[in-house]
Amino acid sequence: MKDGIHPNYRDVCFVDQSNGFKFITRSTVSSKETITLDDGREVPLVKLETTSESHPFYTGQQKSIDNLGGRVEKFRNKFAGFAKK
């Protein structure tokens, strides 16, 4: 590889702001904040609003629109009285 043309690919710590879940992976993302890990390494810190630990799709808390009634049925029920006039 040529020197000076590739982004800095290193370990980065991502933390979920909603529940404090942390995971470390390799990335080229830049960050001004750092965190010291349990093993003494200092790595860049990236704060996230949601991760797989807090997203409703992955936690099983997501509600499906199909289970709540279809959009067509909701429309028909809402405007059923207008057609009779």
N, C-alpha and C. Protein backbone atom coordinates (compact mmCIF):
# COMPACT_ATOMS: atom_id res chain seq x y z
N MET A 1 0.84 -1.19 0.00
CA MET A 1 0.00 0.00 0.00
C MET A 1 0.88 1.25 0.00
N LYS A 2 0.42 2.27 -0.69
CA LYS A 2 1.14 3.53 -0.70
C LYS A 2 0.91 4.26 0.62
N ASP A 3 1.93 4.93 1.09
CA ASP A 3 1.82 5.69 2.33
C ASP A 3 1.08 7.00 2.08
N GLY A 4 0.24 7.39 3.05
CA GLY A 4 -0.40 8.70 3.04
C GLY A 4 -1.67 8.83 2.22
N ILE A 5 -2.15 7.76 1.56
CA ILE A 5 -3.36 7.90 0.76
C ILE A 5 -4.54 7.12 1.33
N HIS A 6 -4.30 6.28 2.32
CA HIS A 6 -5.36 5.45 2.88
C HIS A 6 -5.83 6.01 4.23
N PRO A 7 -7.12 5.87 4.53
CA PRO A 7 -7.61 6.35 5.83
C PRO A 7 -7.06 5.49 6.97
N ASN A 8 -7.08 6.05 8.16
CA ASN A 8 -6.57 5.37 9.35
C ASN A 8 -7.58 4.32 9.80
N TYR A 9 -7.27 3.04 9.59
CA TYR A 9 -8.16 1.93 9.93
C TYR A 9 -7.69 1.35 11.26
N ARG A 10 -8.50 1.54 12.30
CA ARG A 10 -8.07 1.14 13.65
C ARG A 10 -9.27 0.72 14.48
N ASP A 11 -9.00 0.23 15.70
CA ASP A 11 -10.07 -0.13 16.62
C ASP A 11 -10.78 1.14 17.09
N VAL A 12 -12.13 1.07 17.13
CA VAL A 12 -12.96 2.19 17.58
C VAL A 12 -14.02 1.63 18.51
N CYS A 13 -14.33 2.36 19.58
CA CYS A 13 -15.37 1.96 20.52
C CYS A 13 -16.64 2.74 20.20
N PHE A 14 -17.73 2.03 19.97
CA PHE A 14 -19.03 2.64 19.75
C PHE A 14 -19.87 2.42 21.00
N VAL A 15 -20.56 3.45 21.47
CA VAL A 15 -21.39 3.34 22.66
C VAL A 15 -22.80 3.82 22.34
N ASP A 16 -23.78 3.05 22.80
CA ASP A 16 -25.20 3.37 22.63
C ASP A 16 -25.60 4.34 23.73
N GLN A 17 -26.08 5.52 23.36
CA GLN A 17 -26.44 6.54 24.34
C GLN A 17 -27.67 6.15 25.16
N SER A 18 -28.55 5.33 24.61
CA SER A 18 -29.79 5.03 25.32
C SER A 18 -29.62 4.00 26.44
N ASN A 19 -28.65 3.09 26.31
CA ASN A 19 -28.51 2.08 27.36
C ASN A 19 -27.06 1.81 27.78
N GLY A 20 -26.10 2.50 27.18
CA GLY A 20 -24.71 2.34 27.59
C GLY A 20 -23.99 1.14 27.01
N PHE A 21 -24.61 0.41 26.09
CA PHE A 21 -24.00 -0.76 25.46
C PHE A 21 -22.79 -0.33 24.64
N LYS A 22 -21.66 -1.00 24.84
CA LYS A 22 -20.42 -0.67 24.13
C LYS A 22 -19.97 -1.86 23.30
N PHE A 23 -19.42 -1.56 22.13
CA PHE A 23 -18.77 -2.60 21.35
C PHE A 23 -17.60 -1.99 20.60
N ILE A 24 -16.60 -2.83 20.36
CA ILE A 24 -15.38 -2.39 19.69
C ILE A 24 -15.28 -3.09 18.36
N THR A 25 -15.01 -2.30 17.34
CA THR A 25 -14.81 -2.85 16.00
C THR A 25 -13.77 -1.98 15.30
N ARG A 26 -13.35 -2.42 14.14
CA ARG A 26 -12.38 -1.64 13.38
C ARG A 26 -13.13 -0.74 12.41
N SER A 27 -12.66 0.52 12.30
CA SER A 27 -13.34 1.49 11.46
C SER A 27 -12.37 2.60 11.07
N THR A 28 -12.78 3.39 10.06
CA THR A 28 -12.01 4.56 9.66
C THR A 28 -12.68 5.85 10.12
N VAL A 29 -13.76 5.75 10.88
CA VAL A 29 -14.49 6.94 11.33
C VAL A 29 -13.58 7.78 12.23
N SER A 30 -13.72 9.12 12.10
CA SER A 30 -12.89 10.00 12.92
C SER A 30 -13.71 10.49 14.12
N SER A 31 -13.03 10.69 15.22
CA SER A 31 -13.67 11.14 16.44
C SER A 31 -12.69 11.94 17.27
N LYS A 32 -13.19 12.99 17.91
CA LYS A 32 -12.34 13.81 18.78
C LYS A 32 -12.28 13.24 20.20
N GLU A 33 -13.26 12.40 20.56
CA GLU A 33 -13.30 11.82 21.90
C GLU A 33 -12.59 10.48 21.92
N THR A 34 -12.02 10.14 23.08
CA THR A 34 -11.37 8.84 23.27
C THR A 34 -11.87 8.22 24.56
N ILE A 35 -11.66 6.93 24.69
CA ILE A 35 -12.02 6.19 25.89
C ILE A 35 -10.90 5.21 26.20
N THR A 36 -10.64 5.02 27.48
CA THR A 36 -9.64 4.05 27.91
C THR A 36 -10.35 2.75 28.25
N LEU A 37 -9.96 1.67 27.60
CA LEU A 37 -10.58 0.37 27.80
C LEU A 37 -10.03 -0.31 29.05
N ASP A 38 -10.64 -1.41 29.43
CA ASP A 38 -10.22 -2.16 30.62
C ASP A 38 -8.79 -2.65 30.52
N ASP A 39 -8.34 -2.95 29.28
CA ASP A 39 -6.98 -3.46 29.11
C ASP A 39 -5.95 -2.35 28.98
N GLY A 40 -6.38 -1.08 29.13
CA GLY A 40 -5.44 0.04 29.13
C GLY A 40 -5.28 0.74 27.79
N ARG A 41 -5.87 0.20 26.74
CA ARG A 41 -5.77 0.84 25.42
C ARG A 41 -6.66 2.06 25.37
N GLU A 42 -6.22 3.09 24.67
CA GLU A 42 -7.03 4.28 24.46
C GLU A 42 -7.46 4.28 22.99
N VAL A 43 -8.77 4.25 22.77
CA VAL A 43 -9.31 4.18 21.41
C VAL A 43 -10.31 5.30 21.21
N PRO A 44 -10.55 5.70 19.95
CA PRO A 44 -11.57 6.72 19.68
C PRO A 44 -12.95 6.25 20.12
N LEU A 45 -13.79 7.20 20.54
CA LEU A 45 -15.14 6.90 21.02
C LEU A 45 -16.15 7.56 20.09
N VAL A 46 -17.12 6.77 19.61
CA VAL A 46 -18.21 7.28 18.78
C VAL A 46 -19.51 6.99 19.50
N LYS A 47 -20.33 8.03 19.70
CA LYS A 47 -21.60 7.88 20.39
C LYS A 47 -22.72 7.70 19.37
N LEU A 48 -23.57 6.69 19.61
CA LEU A 48 -24.68 6.37 18.72
C LEU A 48 -26.00 6.54 19.45
N GLU A 49 -27.05 6.91 18.71
CA GLU A 49 -28.36 7.03 19.32
C GLU A 49 -29.03 5.68 19.51
N THR A 50 -28.79 4.75 18.60
CA THR A 50 -29.40 3.43 18.69
C THR A 50 -28.47 2.39 18.10
N THR A 51 -28.53 1.19 18.66
CA THR A 51 -27.77 0.06 18.14
C THR A 51 -28.70 -1.16 18.13
N SER A 52 -28.15 -2.30 17.83
CA SER A 52 -28.95 -3.52 17.82
C SER A 52 -29.47 -3.87 19.21
N GLU A 53 -28.85 -3.33 20.25
CA GLU A 53 -29.29 -3.59 21.62
C GLU A 53 -30.51 -2.76 22.01
N SER A 54 -30.76 -1.65 21.30
CA SER A 54 -31.87 -0.78 21.68
C SER A 54 -32.90 -0.57 20.57
N HIS A 55 -32.61 -0.98 19.35
CA HIS A 55 -33.55 -0.77 18.24
C HIS A 55 -34.73 -1.72 18.37
N PRO A 56 -35.97 -1.23 18.22
CA PRO A 56 -37.15 -2.08 18.40
C PRO A 56 -37.20 -3.29 17.47
N PHE A 57 -36.65 -3.19 16.28
CA PHE A 57 -36.66 -4.33 15.36
C PHE A 57 -35.87 -5.50 15.93
N TYR A 58 -34.71 -5.23 16.51
CA TYR A 58 -33.85 -6.29 17.02
C TYR A 58 -34.25 -6.76 18.41
N THR A 59 -34.93 -5.91 19.18
CA THR A 59 -35.32 -6.30 20.54
C THR A 59 -36.68 -6.99 20.58
N GLY A 60 -37.40 -7.00 19.45
CA GLY A 60 -38.71 -7.65 19.40
C GLY A 60 -39.84 -6.77 19.85
N GLN A 61 -39.61 -5.48 20.04
CA GLN A 61 -40.63 -4.56 20.52
C GLN A 61 -41.35 -3.83 19.39
N GLN A 62 -40.91 -4.04 18.14
CA GLN A 62 -41.50 -3.33 17.01
C GLN A 62 -42.89 -3.88 16.71
N LYS A 63 -43.82 -2.98 16.43
CA LYS A 63 -45.17 -3.37 16.07
C LYS A 63 -45.30 -3.35 14.55
N SER A 64 -45.89 -4.37 14.01
CA SER A 64 -46.08 -4.45 12.58
C SER A 64 -47.39 -3.77 12.20
N ILE A 65 -47.38 -3.00 11.14
CA ILE A 65 -48.59 -2.33 10.67
C ILE A 65 -49.60 -3.36 10.18
N ASP A 66 -49.12 -4.47 9.62
CA ASP A 66 -50.02 -5.51 9.13
C ASP A 66 -50.88 -6.09 10.24
N ASN A 67 -50.31 -6.22 11.43
CA ASN A 67 -51.05 -6.79 12.55
C ASN A 67 -52.08 -5.81 13.13
N LEU A 68 -51.90 -4.54 12.88
CA LEU A 68 -52.79 -3.52 13.42
C LEU A 68 -53.93 -3.19 12.47
N GLY A 69 -54.02 -3.86 11.35
CA GLY A 69 -55.03 -3.56 10.34
C GLY A 69 -54.38 -2.87 9.16
N GLY A 70 -54.80 -3.23 7.98
CA GLY A 70 -54.19 -2.67 6.78
C GLY A 70 -54.58 -1.22 6.54
N ARG A 71 -53.81 -0.53 5.76
CA ARG A 71 -54.09 0.87 5.46
C ARG A 71 -55.37 1.02 4.65
N VAL A 72 -55.60 0.09 3.75
CA VAL A 72 -56.82 0.16 2.93
C VAL A 72 -58.06 0.01 3.81
N GLU A 73 -58.01 -0.93 4.74
CA GLU A 73 -59.15 -1.13 5.64
C GLU A 73 -59.38 0.09 6.52
N LYS A 74 -58.32 0.71 7.01
CA LYS A 74 -58.45 1.91 7.82
C LYS A 74 -59.10 3.03 7.01
N PHE A 75 -58.69 3.17 5.73
CA PHE A 75 -59.26 4.19 4.87
C PHE A 75 -60.74 3.94 4.62
N ARG A 76 -61.07 2.71 4.33
CA ARG A 76 -62.48 2.37 4.07
C ARG A 76 -63.35 2.61 5.30
N ASN A 77 -62.85 2.24 6.46
CA ASN A 77 -63.61 2.45 7.69
C ASN A 77 -63.78 3.94 8.00
N LYS A 78 -62.76 4.71 7.74
CA LYS A 78 -62.81 6.13 8.05
C LYS A 78 -63.77 6.89 7.14
N PHE A 79 -63.77 6.54 5.87
CA PHE A 79 -64.56 7.28 4.89
C PHE A 79 -65.77 6.50 4.37
N ALA A 80 -66.23 5.50 5.09
CA ALA A 80 -67.38 4.71 4.67
C ALA A 80 -68.66 5.54 4.61
N GLY A 81 -68.82 6.49 5.49
CA GLY A 81 -70.04 7.30 5.54
C GLY A 81 -70.16 8.31 4.41
N PHE A 82 -69.08 8.71 3.78
CA PHE A 82 -69.12 9.71 2.73
C PHE A 82 -69.71 9.18 1.42
N ALA A 83 -69.56 7.91 1.16
CA ALA A 83 -70.05 7.33 -0.10
C ALA A 83 -71.57 7.22 -0.13
N LYS A 84 -72.22 7.17 1.00
CA LYS A 84 -73.66 6.96 1.07
C LYS A 84 -74.46 8.24 0.81
N LYS A 85 -73.84 9.38 0.83
CA LYS A 85 -74.56 10.66 0.67
C LYS A 85 -75.06 10.89 -0.69
